C-alpha atoms as a PDB file:
ATOM      1  CA  MET A   1     -51.568  74.459 -35.738  1.00  0.00           C
ATOM      2  CA  GLY A   2     -48.239  74.881 -34.006  1.00  0.00           C
ATOM      3  CA  THR A   3     -44.996  75.329 -35.919  1.00  0.00           C
ATOM      4  CA  VAL A   4     -43.667  71.870 -35.031  1.00  0.00           C
ATOM      5  CA  ALA A   5     -46.926  70.180 -36.040  1.00  0.00           C
ATOM      6  CA  PHE A   6     -47.039  72.168 -39.290  1.00  0.00           C
ATOM      7  CA  VAL A   7     -43.463  71.194 -40.207  1.00  0.00           C
ATOM      8  CA  THR A   8     -44.246  67.562 -39.362  1.00  0.00           C
ATOM      9  CA  VAL A   9     -47.295  67.564 -41.629  1.00  0.00           C
ATOM     10  CA  ILE A  10     -45.358  69.198 -44.460  1.00  0.00           C
ATOM     11  CA  GLY A  11     -42.586  66.628 -44.061  1.00  0.00           C
ATOM     12  CA  LEU A  12     -45.084  63.773 -44.127  1.00  0.00           C
ATOM     13  CA  VAL A  13     -46.780  65.148 -47.245  1.00  0.00           C
ATOM     14  CA  ALA A  14     -43.393  65.551 -48.952  1.00  0.00           C
ATOM     15  CA  LEU A  15     -42.525  61.944 -48.074  1.00  0.00           C
ATOM     16  CA  LEU A  16     -45.818  60.663 -49.457  1.00  0.00           C
ATOM     17  CA  VAL A  17     -45.347  62.654 -52.667  1.00  0.00           C
ATOM     18  CA  TYR A  18     -41.806  61.282 -52.989  1.00  0.00           C
ATOM     19  CA  MET A  19     -42.935  57.681 -52.445  1.00  0.00           C
ATOM     20  CA  ALA A  20     -45.792  58.104 -54.918  1.00  0.00           C
ATOM     21  CA  ARG A  21     -43.230  58.683 -57.679  1.00  0.00           C
ATOM     22  CA  TYR A  22     -42.374  54.966 -57.523  1.00  0.00           C
ATOM     23  CA  SER A  23     -44.791  52.315 -58.742  1.00  0.00           C
ATOM     24  CA  GLY A  24     -43.447  49.574 -56.484  1.00  0.00           C
ATOM     25  CA  ARG A  25     -44.006  47.031 -59.251  1.00  0.00           C
ATOM     26  CA  LEU A  26     -41.954  43.854 -59.385  1.00  0.00           C
ATOM     27  CA  ARG A  27     -41.238  41.736 -62.436  1.00  0.00           C
ATOM     28  CA  VAL A  28     -38.859  38.792 -62.163  1.00  0.00           C
ATOM     29  CA  THR A  29     -38.136  36.016 -64.670  1.00  0.00           C
ATOM     30  CA  GLN A  30     -35.532  33.281 -64.332  1.00  0.00           C
ATOM     31  CA  THR A  31     -35.088  30.401 -66.781  1.00  0.00           C
ATOM     32  CA  ARG A  32     -33.018  27.252 -66.338  1.00  0.00           C
ATOM     33  CA  LEU A  33     -32.457  24.162 -68.452  1.00  0.00           C
ATOM     34  CA  ILE A  34     -32.704  21.048 -66.273  1.00  0.00           C
ATOM     35  CA  ASP A  35     -31.379  17.700 -67.463  1.00  0.00           C
ATOM     36  CA  ALA A  36     -34.437  15.668 -66.465  1.00  0.00           C
ATOM     37  CA  PRO A  37     -37.867  14.742 -67.903  1.00  0.00           C
ATOM     38  CA  ILE A  38     -40.697  17.264 -67.564  1.00  0.00           C
ATOM     39  CA  ASP A  39     -42.834  15.011 -65.372  1.00  0.00           C
ATOM     40  CA  LYS A  40     -40.131  14.753 -62.689  1.00  0.00           C
ATOM     41  CA  VAL A  41     -39.484  18.498 -62.627  1.00  0.00           C
ATOM     42  CA  TYR A  42     -43.155  19.433 -62.748  1.00  0.00           C
ATOM     43  CA  ALA A  43     -44.003  17.095 -59.852  1.00  0.00           C
ATOM     44  CA  LEU A  44     -41.532  18.853 -57.531  1.00  0.00           C
ATOM     45  CA  VAL A  45     -43.210  22.196 -58.200  1.00  0.00           C
ATOM     46  CA  ALA A  46     -46.811  21.006 -58.345  1.00  0.00           C
ATOM     47  CA  ASP A  47     -46.754  19.209 -54.978  1.00  0.00           C
ATOM     48  CA  PHE A  48     -46.188  21.670 -52.134  1.00  0.00           C
ATOM     49  CA  ARG A  49     -44.937  18.869 -49.876  1.00  0.00           C
ATOM     50  CA  ALA A  50     -41.881  18.632 -52.140  1.00  0.00           C
ATOM     51  CA  TRP A  51     -41.037  22.326 -51.721  1.00  0.00           C
ATOM     52  CA  ALA A  52     -39.128  21.747 -48.489  1.00  0.00           C
ATOM     53  CA  GLN A  53     -36.389  20.138 -50.599  1.00  0.00           C
ATOM     54  CA  TRP A  54     -35.686  23.244 -52.681  1.00  0.00           C
ATOM     55  CA  ASN A  55     -37.652  26.297 -51.458  1.00  0.00           C
ATOM     56  CA  PRO A  56     -35.071  29.155 -51.550  1.00  0.00           C
ATOM     57  CA  TRP A  57     -36.874  31.147 -48.847  1.00  0.00           C
ATOM     58  CA  LEU A  58     -36.190  28.441 -46.266  1.00  0.00           C
ATOM     59  CA  GLU A  59     -32.445  28.341 -46.972  1.00  0.00           C
ATOM     60  CA  HIS A  60     -31.585  29.965 -43.648  1.00  0.00           C
ATOM     61  CA  GLU A  61     -34.297  28.324 -41.569  1.00  0.00           C
ATOM     62  CA  PRO A  62     -35.297  24.880 -42.872  1.00  0.00           C
ATOM     63  CA  GLU A  63     -36.953  24.198 -39.518  1.00  0.00           C
ATOM     64  CA  ALA A  64     -39.445  27.073 -39.964  1.00  0.00           C
ATOM     65  CA  ARG A  65     -43.078  26.150 -39.330  1.00  0.00           C
ATOM     66  CA  VAL A  66     -44.841  25.133 -42.546  1.00  0.00           C
ATOM     67  CA  THR A  67     -48.544  24.576 -43.193  1.00  0.00           C
ATOM     68  CA  PHE A  68     -50.406  22.794 -45.985  1.00  0.00           C
ATOM     69  CA  SER A  69     -53.968  22.602 -47.194  1.00  0.00           C
ATOM     70  CA  ASP A  70     -55.597  19.156 -47.231  1.00  0.00           C
ATOM     71  CA  SER A  71     -54.708  18.809 -50.896  1.00  0.00           C
ATOM     72  CA  THR A  72     -51.164  19.825 -51.840  1.00  0.00           C
ATOM     73  CA  ALA A  73     -50.881  19.224 -55.602  1.00  0.00           C
ATOM     74  CA  ASP A  74     -54.131  20.553 -57.110  1.00  0.00           C
ATOM     75  CA  ALA A  75     -55.598  23.921 -58.054  1.00  0.00           C
ATOM     76  CA  GLY A  76     -56.578  25.605 -54.792  1.00  0.00           C
ATOM     77  CA  SER A  77     -53.805  23.941 -52.797  1.00  0.00           C
ATOM     78  CA  ALA A  78     -52.032  26.228 -50.320  1.00  0.00           C
ATOM     79  CA  TYR A  79     -48.598  26.276 -48.704  1.00  0.00           C
ATOM     80  CA  GLY A  80     -47.295  28.621 -46.009  1.00  0.00           C
ATOM     81  CA  TRP A  81     -44.233  29.139 -43.854  1.00  0.00           C
ATOM     82  CA  ASP A  82     -43.461  31.224 -40.798  1.00  0.00           C
ATOM     83  CA  GLY A  83     -40.054  31.557 -39.183  1.00  0.00           C
ATOM     84  CA  ALA A  84     -37.958  33.930 -37.124  1.00  0.00           C
ATOM     85  CA  ARG A  85     -35.283  33.979 -39.862  1.00  0.00           C
ATOM     86  CA  ALA A  86     -37.102  33.001 -43.036  1.00  0.00           C
ATOM     87  CA  GLY A  87     -39.982  35.404 -42.587  1.00  0.00           C
ATOM     88  CA  SER A  88     -43.479  34.362 -43.594  1.00  0.00           C
ATOM     89  CA  GLY A  89     -45.496  33.876 -46.725  1.00  0.00           C
ATOM     90  CA  THR A  90     -48.214  31.870 -48.449  1.00  0.00           C
ATOM     91  CA  ILE A  91     -48.523  30.474 -51.973  1.00  0.00           C
ATOM     92  CA  VAL A  92     -51.720  29.155 -53.544  1.00  0.00           C
ATOM     93  CA  HIS A  93     -51.985  27.207 -56.806  1.00  0.00           C
ATOM     94  CA  ARG A  94     -54.628  28.981 -58.896  1.00  0.00           C
ATOM     95  CA  ARG A  95     -54.485  27.217 -62.259  1.00  0.00           C
ATOM     96  CA  MET A  96     -52.515  24.165 -63.354  1.00  0.00           C
ATOM     97  CA  VAL A  97     -51.931  22.433 -66.683  1.00  0.00           C
ATOM     98  CA  ALA A  98     -50.091  19.185 -65.973  1.00  0.00           C
ATOM     99  CA  GLY A  99     -46.578  19.215 -67.378  1.00  0.00           C
ATOM    100  CA  ARG A 100     -46.994  22.666 -68.913  1.00  0.00           C
ATOM    101  CA  SER A 101     -47.796  25.519 -66.518  1.00  0.00           C
ATOM    102  CA  ILE A 102     -48.766  26.601 -63.007  1.00  0.00           C
ATOM    103  CA  GLU A 103     -50.185  29.962 -61.929  1.00  0.00           C
ATOM    104  CA  GLN A 104     -50.014  30.974 -58.274  1.00  0.00           C
ATOM    105  CA  ARG A 105     -51.139  33.691 -55.871  1.00  0.00           C
ATOM    106  CA  LEU A 106     -48.353  35.013 -53.642  1.00  0.00           C
ATOM    107  CA  ARG A 107     -48.627  36.780 -50.298  1.00  0.00           C
ATOM    108  CA  PHE A 108     -45.373  37.562 -48.450  1.00  0.00           C
ATOM    109  CA  ALA A 109     -45.553  39.254 -45.050  1.00  0.00           C
ATOM    110  CA  GLN A 110     -41.893  39.122 -43.944  1.00  0.00           C
ATOM    111  CA  PRO A 111     -39.165  40.215 -44.530  1.00  0.00           C
ATOM    112  CA  PHE A 112     -40.994  42.274 -47.202  1.00  0.00           C
ATOM    113  CA  ARG A 113     -44.733  42.741 -47.607  1.00  0.00           C
ATOM    114  CA  ILE A 114     -45.497  41.720 -51.188  1.00  0.00           C
ATOM    115  CA  ARG A 115     -48.639  40.780 -53.093  1.00  0.00           C
ATOM    116  CA  GLY A 116     -48.266  39.155 -56.467  1.00  0.00           C
ATOM    117  CA  ARG A 117     -48.631  36.217 -58.816  1.00  0.00           C
ATOM    118  CA  GLY A 118     -46.227  33.418 -59.656  1.00  0.00           C
ATOM    119  CA  HIS A 119     -45.964  31.820 -63.075  1.00  0.00           C
ATOM    120  CA  TRP A 120     -44.264  28.532 -64.019  1.00  0.00           C
ATOM    121  CA  GLN A 121     -43.700  27.309 -67.565  1.00  0.00           C
ATOM    122  CA  PHE A 122     -42.288  23.882 -68.511  1.00  0.00           C
ATOM    123  CA  ALA A 123     -41.110  22.978 -72.022  1.00  0.00           C
ATOM    124  CA  GLU A 124     -39.147  20.117 -73.553  1.00  0.00           C
ATOM    125  CA  ARG A 125     -35.796  21.157 -75.063  1.00  0.00           C
ATOM    126  CA  GLU A 126     -33.651  18.442 -76.675  1.00  0.00           C
ATOM    127  CA  GLY A 127     -34.555  15.825 -74.097  1.00  0.00           C
ATOM    128  CA  MET A 128     -34.260  18.252 -71.176  1.00  0.00           C
ATOM    129  CA  THR A 129     -36.729  20.528 -69.413  1.00  0.00           C
ATOM    130  CA  GLU A 130     -36.683  24.291 -69.753  1.00  0.00           C
ATOM    131  CA  VAL A 131     -38.209  25.800 -66.626  1.00  0.00           C
ATOM    132  CA  THR A 132     -39.213  29.451 -66.408  1.00  0.00           C
ATOM    133  CA  TRP A 133     -40.147  30.811 -62.977  1.00  0.00           C
ATOM    134  CA  SER A 134     -41.656  34.297 -63.090  1.00  0.00           C
ATOM    135  CA  MET A 135     -43.259  36.667 -60.633  1.00  0.00           C
ATOM    136  CA  THR A 136     -45.227  39.871 -61.008  1.00  0.00           C
ATOM    137  CA  GLY A 137     -46.407  41.932 -58.082  1.00  0.00           C
ATOM    138  CA  ARG A 138     -46.085  45.035 -55.991  1.00  0.00           C
ATOM    139  CA  VAL A 139     -44.334  45.841 -52.731  1.00  0.00           C
ATOM    140  CA  ALA A 140     -45.996  47.670 -49.856  1.00  0.00           C
ATOM    141  CA  PHE A 141     -46.216  51.462 -50.227  1.00  0.00           C
ATOM    142  CA  SER A 142     -43.480  52.027 -47.640  1.00  0.00           C
ATOM    143  CA  LEU A 143     -41.040  49.980 -49.762  1.00  0.00           C
ATOM    144  CA  ARG A 144     -41.766  51.532 -53.137  1.00  0.00           C
ATOM    145  CA  ALA A 145     -38.454  53.378 -53.329  1.00  0.00           C
ATOM    146  CA  PHE A 146     -36.639  50.072 -52.780  1.00  0.00           C
ATOM    147  CA  ALA A 147     -38.640  48.003 -55.263  1.00  0.00           C
ATOM    148  CA  GLN A 148     -35.684  47.537 -57.630  1.00  0.00           C
ATOM    149  CA  THR A 149     -33.533  46.214 -54.782  1.00  0.00           C
ATOM    150  CA  VAL A 150     -36.267  43.817 -53.681  1.00  0.00           C
ATOM    151  CA  GLN A 151     -36.708  42.725 -57.299  1.00  0.00           C
ATOM    152  CA  GLY A 152     -32.998  41.922 -57.585  1.00  0.00           C
ATOM    153  CA  MET A 153     -33.129  39.876 -54.377  1.00  0.00           C
ATOM    154  CA  ILE A 154     -36.134  37.878 -55.556  1.00  0.00           C
ATOM    155  CA  ALA A 155     -34.392  37.207 -58.881  1.00  0.00           C
ATOM    156  CA  LEU A 156     -31.477  35.631 -56.987  1.00  0.00           C
ATOM    157  CA  ASP A 157     -33.927  33.679 -54.807  1.00  0.00           C
ATOM    158  CA  HIS A 158     -35.565  32.287 -57.955  1.00  0.00           C
ATOM    159  CA  ARG A 159     -32.201  31.444 -59.454  1.00  0.00           C
ATOM    160  CA  TYR A 160     -31.098  29.603 -56.320  1.00  0.00           C
ATOM    161  CA  GLY A 161     -34.421  27.783 -56.107  1.00  0.00           C
ATOM    162  CA  LEU A 162     -34.076  26.551 -59.694  1.00  0.00           C
ATOM    163  CA  ASP A 163     -30.503  25.415 -59.004  1.00  0.00           C
ATOM    164  CA  ARG A 164     -31.648  23.429 -55.975  1.00  0.00           C
ATOM    165  CA  LEU A 165     -34.567  22.021 -57.955  1.00  0.00           C
ATOM    166  CA  ALA A 166     -32.180  20.837 -60.673  1.00  0.00           C
ATOM    167  CA  ARG A 167     -29.894  19.184 -58.117  1.00  0.00           C
ATOM    168  CA  LEU A 168     -32.744  16.890 -57.055  1.00  0.00           C
ATOM    169  CA  VAL A 169     -33.355  15.374 -60.485  1.00  0.00           C
ATOM    170  CA  GLU A 170     -30.254  15.830 -62.647  1.00  0.00           C
ATOM    171  CA  PRO A 171     -27.597  13.105 -63.076  1.00  0.00           C
ATOM    172  CA  ALA A 172     -24.799  13.099 -60.515  1.00  0.00           C
ATOM    173  CA  THR A 173     -22.372  14.213 -63.230  1.00  0.00           C
ATOM    174  CA  ALA A 174     -24.282  17.448 -63.928  1.00  0.00           C
ATOM    175  CA  PRO A 175     -22.649  20.718 -62.744  1.00  0.00           C
ATOM    176  CA  ARG A 176     -23.862  21.659 -59.264  1.00  0.00           C
ATOM    177  CA  TYR A 177     -22.720  23.418 -56.109  1.00  0.00           C
ATOM    178  CA  TRP A 178     -23.169  23.384 -52.351  1.00  0.00           C
ATOM    179  CA  LEU A 179     -22.986  26.216 -49.818  1.00  0.00           C
ATOM    180  CA  ASP A 180     -21.493  25.831 -46.339  1.00  0.00           C
ATOM    181  CA  TYR A 181     -21.892  28.740 -43.900  1.00  0.00           C
ATOM    182  CA  LEU A 182     -18.736  28.782 -41.769  1.00  0.00           C
ATOM    183  CA  GLY A 183     -19.562  31.906 -39.756  1.00  0.00           C
ATOM    184  CA  VAL A 184     -17.285  34.657 -38.453  1.00  0.00           C
ATOM    185  CA  ARG A 185     -13.564  33.843 -38.543  1.00  0.00           C
ATOM    186  CA  ASP A 186     -10.467  35.799 -37.506  1.00  0.00           C
ATOM    187  CA  ILE A 187      -8.220  36.616 -40.469  1.00  0.00           C
ATOM    188  CA  PRO A 188      -4.539  37.184 -39.567  1.00  0.00           C
ATOM    189  CA  ALA A 189      -2.495  40.027 -40.991  1.00  0.00           C
ATOM    190  CA  GLY A 190      -0.310  39.247 -43.977  1.00  0.00           C
ATOM    191  CA  CYS A 191       0.903  40.380 -47.360  1.00  0.00           C
ATOM    192  CA  TYR A 192       0.542  39.069 -50.882  1.00  0.00           C
ATOM    193  CA  VAL A 193       2.214  39.435 -54.246  1.00  0.00           C
ATOM    194  CA  TYR A 194      -0.374  40.792 -56.616  1.00  0.00           C
ATOM    195  CA  ARG A 195      -1.412  41.887 -60.065  1.00  0.00           C
ATOM    196  CA  SER A 196      -4.529  43.882 -60.981  1.00  0.00           C
ATOM    197  CA  TYR A 197      -7.580  42.787 -62.933  1.00  0.00           C
ATOM    198  CA  SER A 198     -10.079  45.235 -64.444  1.00  0.00           C
ATOM    199  CA  GLY A 199     -12.771  43.808 -66.662  1.00  0.00           C
ATOM    200  CA  THR A 200     -16.024  41.931 -66.846  1.00  0.00           C
ATOM    201  CA  LEU A 201     -17.250  39.469 -64.268  1.00  0.00           C
ATOM    202  CA  ALA A 202     -17.738  36.981 -67.101  1.00  0.00           C
ATOM    203  CA  GLY A 203     -14.045  37.184 -67.955  1.00  0.00           C
ATOM    204  CA  LEU A 204     -12.806  36.970 -64.381  1.00  0.00           C
ATOM    205  CA  ALA A 205     -12.364  33.177 -64.341  1.00  0.00           C
ATOM    206  CA  ASP A 206      -9.915  33.350 -67.258  1.00  0.00           C
ATOM    207  CA  GLY A 207      -8.276  36.359 -65.626  1.00  0.00           C
ATOM    208  CA  LEU A 208      -7.735  34.345 -62.460  1.00  0.00           C
ATOM    209  CA  ARG A 209      -6.102  31.472 -64.309  1.00  0.00           C
ATOM    210  CA  GLY A 210      -3.737  33.707 -66.240  1.00  0.00           C
ATOM    211  CA  GLY A 211      -3.067  35.992 -63.289  1.00  0.00           C
ATOM    212  CA  PHE A 212      -2.222  33.223 -60.826  1.00  0.00           C
ATOM    213  CA  ALA A 213       0.021  31.509 -63.388  1.00  0.00           C
ATOM    214  CA  GLU A 214       1.919  34.780 -63.905  1.00  0.00           C
ATOM    215  CA  LEU A 215       2.270  35.348 -60.149  1.00  0.00           C
ATOM    216  CA  ARG A 216       3.567  31.819 -59.585  1.00  0.00           C
ATOM    217  CA  GLY A 217       6.168  32.447 -62.275  1.00  0.00           C
ATOM    218  CA  GLN A 218       7.257  35.624 -60.494  1.00  0.00           C
ATOM    219  CA  LEU A 219       7.542  33.780 -57.180  1.00  0.00           C
ATOM    220  CA  ASP A 220       9.605  31.011 -58.771  1.00  0.00           C
ATOM    221  CA  GLY A 221      11.891  33.604 -60.360  1.00  0.00           C
ATOM    222  CA  ALA A 222      12.398  35.279 -56.984  1.00  0.00           C
ATOM    223  CA  GLY A 223      12.955  32.003 -55.154  1.00  0.00           C
ATOM    224  CA  LEU A 224       9.853  32.495 -53.004  1.00  0.00           C
ATOM    225  CA  GLN A 225       7.037  30.156 -52.023  1.00  0.00           C
ATOM    226  CA  ALA A 226       3.367  30.841 -51.390  1.00  0.00           C
ATOM    227  CA  SER A 227       2.386  30.808 -47.736  1.00  0.00           C
ATOM    228  CA  ALA A 228      -1.353  30.323 -48.329  1.00  0.00           C
ATOM    229  CA  ALA A 229      -3.944  29.772 -51.043  1.00  0.00           C
ATOM    230  CA  PRO A 230      -4.425  32.381 -53.822  1.00  0.00           C
ATOM    231  CA  ILE A 231      -6.951  35.159 -53.283  1.00  0.00           C
ATOM    232  CA  ALA A 232      -8.920  37.744 -55.253  1.00  0.00           C
ATOM    233  CA  VAL A 233      -9.576  41.011 -53.392  1.00  0.00           C
ATOM    234  CA  TYR A 234     -12.517  42.998 -54.776  1.00  0.00           C
ATOM    235  CA  ALA A 235     -11.709  46.710 -54.730  1.00  0.00           C
ATOM    236  CA  ARG A 236     -14.790  47.771 -56.681  1.00  0.00           C
ATOM    237  CA  THR A 237     -17.633  45.915 -58.421  1.00  0.00           C
ATOM    238  CA  ASN A 238     -20.425  47.332 -60.575  1.00  0.00           C
ATOM    239  CA  PHE A 239     -23.180  44.720 -60.743  1.00  0.00           C
ATOM    240  CA  LYS A 240     -25.258  46.806 -63.127  1.00  0.00           C
ATOM    241  CA  LEU A 241     -22.433  46.957 -65.662  1.00  0.00           C
ATOM    242  CA  ARG A 242     -21.136  43.505 -64.646  1.00  0.00           C
ATOM    243  CA  THR A 243     -17.581  44.759 -64.196  1.00  0.00           C
ATOM    244  CA  THR A 244     -15.021  44.576 -61.409  1.00  0.00           C
ATOM    245  CA  ASP A 245     -11.641  45.949 -60.344  1.00  0.00           C
ATOM    246  CA  CYS A 246      -9.749  43.540 -58.118  1.00  0.00           C
ATOM    247  CA  TYR A 247      -6.329  42.377 -57.012  1.00  0.00           C
ATOM    248  CA  LEU A 248      -5.259  38.821 -57.729  1.00  0.00           C
ATOM    249  CA  GLY A 249      -2.825  37.771 -55.056  1.00  0.00           C
ATOM    250  CA  ILE A 250      -0.685  34.955 -53.679  1.00  0.00           C
ATOM    251  CA  PRO A 251       0.200  35.325 -49.986  1.00  0.00           C
ATOM    252  CA  VAL A 252       3.862  35.105 -49.023  1.00  0.00           C
ATOM    253  CA  ALA A 253       5.514  34.862 -45.623  1.00  0.00           C
ATOM    254  CA  GLU A 254       8.450  37.089 -46.490  1.00  0.00           C
ATOM    255  CA  ALA A 255       9.319  39.243 -49.473  1.00  0.00           C
ATOM    256  CA  GLU A 256      11.752  42.067 -50.020  1.00  0.00           C
ATOM    257  CA  PRO A 257       9.864  45.348 -50.543  1.00  0.00           C
ATOM    258  CA  GLY A 258      10.283  46.656 -54.088  1.00  0.00           C
ATOM    259  CA  ARG A 259      11.412  43.325 -55.480  1.00  0.00           C
ATOM    260  CA  LEU A 260       7.846  42.246 -56.242  1.00  0.00           C
ATOM    261  CA  PRO A 261       4.580  44.233 -56.073  1.00  0.00           C
ATOM    262  CA  LEU A 262       3.139  43.663 -52.604  1.00  0.00           C
ATOM    263  CA  ARG A 263      -0.078  44.560 -50.816  1.00  0.00           C
ATOM    264  CA  GLU A 264      -0.856  44.173 -47.135  1.00  0.00           C
ATOM    265  CA  MET A 265      -3.965  42.690 -45.567  1.00  0.00           C
ATOM    266  CA  PRO A 266      -4.627  43.853 -41.998  1.00  0.00           C
ATOM    267  CA  ALA A 267      -5.860  41.495 -39.304  1.00  0.00           C
ATOM    268  CA  HIS A 268      -9.639  41.531 -39.200  1.00  0.00           C
ATOM    269  CA  SER A 269     -12.759  39.407 -38.794  1.00  0.00           C
ATOM    270  CA  ALA A 270     -14.806  38.151 -41.730  1.00  0.00           C
ATOM    271  CA  TYR A 271     -17.923  36.142 -42.344  1.00  0.00           C
ATOM    272  CA  VAL A 272     -16.901  33.084 -44.382  1.00  0.00           C
ATOM    273  CA  LEU A 273     -19.009  31.003 -46.749  1.00  0.00           C
ATOM    274  CA  ARG A 274     -17.598  28.025 -48.629  1.00  0.00           C
ATOM    275  CA  LEU A 275     -18.804  27.246 -52.156  1.00  0.00           C
ATOM    276  CA  GLN A 276     -17.996  23.787 -53.448  1.00  0.00           C
ATOM    277  CA  GLY A 277     -18.659  22.786 -57.034  1.00  0.00           C
ATOM    278  CA  SER A 278     -19.715  24.786 -60.066  1.00  0.00           C
ATOM    279  CA  GLN A 279     -18.646  28.416 -60.119  1.00  0.00           C
ATOM    280  CA  ALA A 280     -21.979  29.190 -61.778  1.00  0.00           C
ATOM    281  CA  GLY A 281     -23.276  29.530 -58.217  1.00  0.00           C
ATOM    282  CA  LEU A 282     -20.793  32.224 -57.218  1.00  0.00           C
ATOM    283  CA  GLU A 283     -23.138  35.220 -57.473  1.00  0.00           C
ATOM    284  CA  VAL A 284     -25.828  33.331 -55.552  1.00  0.00           C
ATOM    285  CA  ALA A 285     -23.225  32.426 -52.906  1.00  0.00           C
ATOM    286  CA  TRP A 286     -22.319  36.092 -52.316  1.00  0.00           C
ATOM    287  CA  TYR A 287     -25.997  36.949 -52.018  1.00  0.00           C
ATOM    288  CA  GLN A 288     -26.693  34.134 -49.567  1.00  0.00           C
ATOM    289  CA  ALA A 289     -23.671  35.087 -47.455  1.00  0.00           C
ATOM    290  CA  MET A 290     -25.022  38.634 -47.131  1.00  0.00           C
ATOM    291  CA  GLN A 291     -28.478  37.273 -46.333  1.00  0.00           C
ATOM    292  CA  ARG A 292     -27.066  35.094 -43.544  1.00  0.00           C
ATOM    293  CA  MET A 293     -25.161  38.077 -42.131  1.00  0.00           C
ATOM    294  CA  ARG A 294     -28.370  40.131 -42.101  1.00  0.00           C
ATOM    295  CA  ILE A 295     -30.294  37.358 -40.390  1.00  0.00           C
ATOM    296  CA  GLU A 296     -27.591  36.810 -37.767  1.00  0.00           C
ATOM    297  CA  ALA A 297     -27.242  40.582 -37.201  1.00  0.00           C
ATOM    298  CA  VAL A 298     -23.572  40.526 -38.198  1.00  0.00           C
ATOM    299  CA  ARG A 299     -22.482  44.038 -39.148  1.00  0.00           C
ATOM    300  CA  PRO A 300     -20.345  44.383 -42.301  1.00  0.00           C
ATOM    301  CA  ASP A 301     -17.198  46.494 -42.208  1.00  0.00           C
ATOM    302  CA  PRO A 302     -17.203  48.673 -45.352  1.00  0.00           C
ATOM    303  CA  ARG A 303     -13.676  49.900 -44.626  1.00  0.00           C
ATOM    304  CA  LEU A 304     -12.208  46.614 -45.868  1.00  0.00           C
ATOM    305  CA  PRO A 305     -12.814  44.928 -49.244  1.00  0.00           C
ATOM    306  CA  PRO A 306     -14.294  41.428 -49.500  1.00  0.00           C
ATOM    307  CA  PHE A 307     -12.169  38.695 -51.012  1.00  0.00           C
ATOM    308  CA  GLU A 308     -12.264  35.133 -52.290  1.00  0.00           C
ATOM    309  CA  ARG A 309      -9.805  32.414 -51.323  1.00  0.00           C
ATOM    310  CA  TYR A 310      -9.084  29.391 -53.509  1.00  0.00           C
ATOM    311  CA  PRO A 311      -7.844  26.394 -51.441  1.00  0.00           C
ATOM    312  CA  GLY A 312      -5.761  23.964 -53.502  1.00  0.00           C
ATOM    313  CA  HIS A 313      -4.505  24.509 -57.038  1.00  0.00           C
ATOM    314  CA  PHE A 314      -6.982  26.655 -58.953  1.00  0.00           C
ATOM    315  CA  ASP A 315      -7.043  24.377 -62.045  1.00  0.00           C
ATOM    316  CA  ALA A 316      -5.878  21.050 -60.630  1.00  0.00           C
ATOM    317  CA  VAL A 317      -9.242  19.661 -59.528  1.00  0.00           C
ATOM    318  CA  ALA A 318     -12.497  18.698 -61.211  1.00  0.00           C
ATOM    319  CA  GLU A 319     -15.169  21.383 -61.077  1.00  0.00           C
ATOM    320  CA  SER A 320     -17.249  19.296 -58.664  1.00  0.00           C
ATOM    321  CA  ASP A 321     -14.352  19.353 -56.178  1.00  0.00           C
ATOM    322  CA  ARG A 322     -13.359  22.984 -56.616  1.00  0.00           C
ATOM    323  CA  VAL A 323     -13.686  25.128 -53.489  1.00  0.00           C
ATOM    324  CA  ILE A 324     -14.012  28.900 -53.175  1.00  0.00           C
ATOM    325  CA  GLU A 325     -14.219  30.600 -49.789  1.00  0.00           C
ATOM    326  CA  LEU A 326     -15.983  33.959 -49.675  1.00  0.00           C
ATOM    327  CA  HIS A 327     -14.791  36.414 -47.006  1.00  0.00           C
ATOM    328  CA  LEU A 328     -16.930  39.414 -46.068  1.00  0.00           C
ATOM    329  CA  PRO A 329     -15.226  41.702 -43.513  1.00  0.00           C
ATOM    330  CA  VAL A 330     -17.311  42.394 -40.415  1.00  0.00           C
ATOM    331  CA  ARG A 331     -17.025  44.683 -37.445  1.00  0.00           C
ATOM    332  CA  ARG A 332     -15.513  43.019 -34.415  1.00  0.00           C
ATOM    333  CA  ARG A 333     -17.948  42.404 -31.624  1.00  0.00           C
ATOM    334  CA  ALA A 334     -17.157  43.990 -28.285  1.00  0.00           C
END
């Protein structure tokens, strides 16, 4: 055996040993309380022909080719999809207890090869329906080292799917949100008066309210006016610890250096997604924006921090009318 071949074999063995350290197991559970009777919620999950209205894996390609078995709402029923963006997969109902539970067999081929089982539980809670959507499975051997990342992505898919499911049956007054993919936009250079926030993601909403109120007071005291909507620039976020360090800012056209704390934003391009409605969908919105960028082959620019923009007065509108624009910096195309 030549030297090159020997080194190649050793490298391959080392890679296989390294990958074998990871089990590749997936375990995801998401629960949501839906303000609707069990029979209405159950029917949307039991009948595969209703999945097109809420299936999270078709978010970026609703026109993907779908297939159904002759029966679509009984044990043994099958549902599949195949798309250039959405990837491909099949789901089969294995066991069903009307209004209580559904067990499924899952086979995903793209974008990740996964074999597993899906589990649905439905329970009445104070006149509403508690829905638990779980999945257990294993990724392909080549993806074992990334199983935790895949698991996190599926958890957000499940969460988004449950949110969309709820939107179909809940009263119009229930909290909800919509996502609008605006694409790549040019962001002009500018500067903003700012204050820092370091704390939990859960406490950020209150931090925004207090921070923007303080900044507006500073602008009024200096005789200055905002030139654009408030922003929050994310310098660093730890999703595992659920913490963030960011700058809360109000853009200004002109300000005397040293009079107020200022930061500059260079001209750049960013992928923009608009979230309208409940801020409970904010984490899902960031995830979906990154998914759309991946699908459209838009390259992120890690040299610049992402930021949120809040059109209109942050507290002056009902939650259903509130708008947040997510900006993810991208590399300019040649």
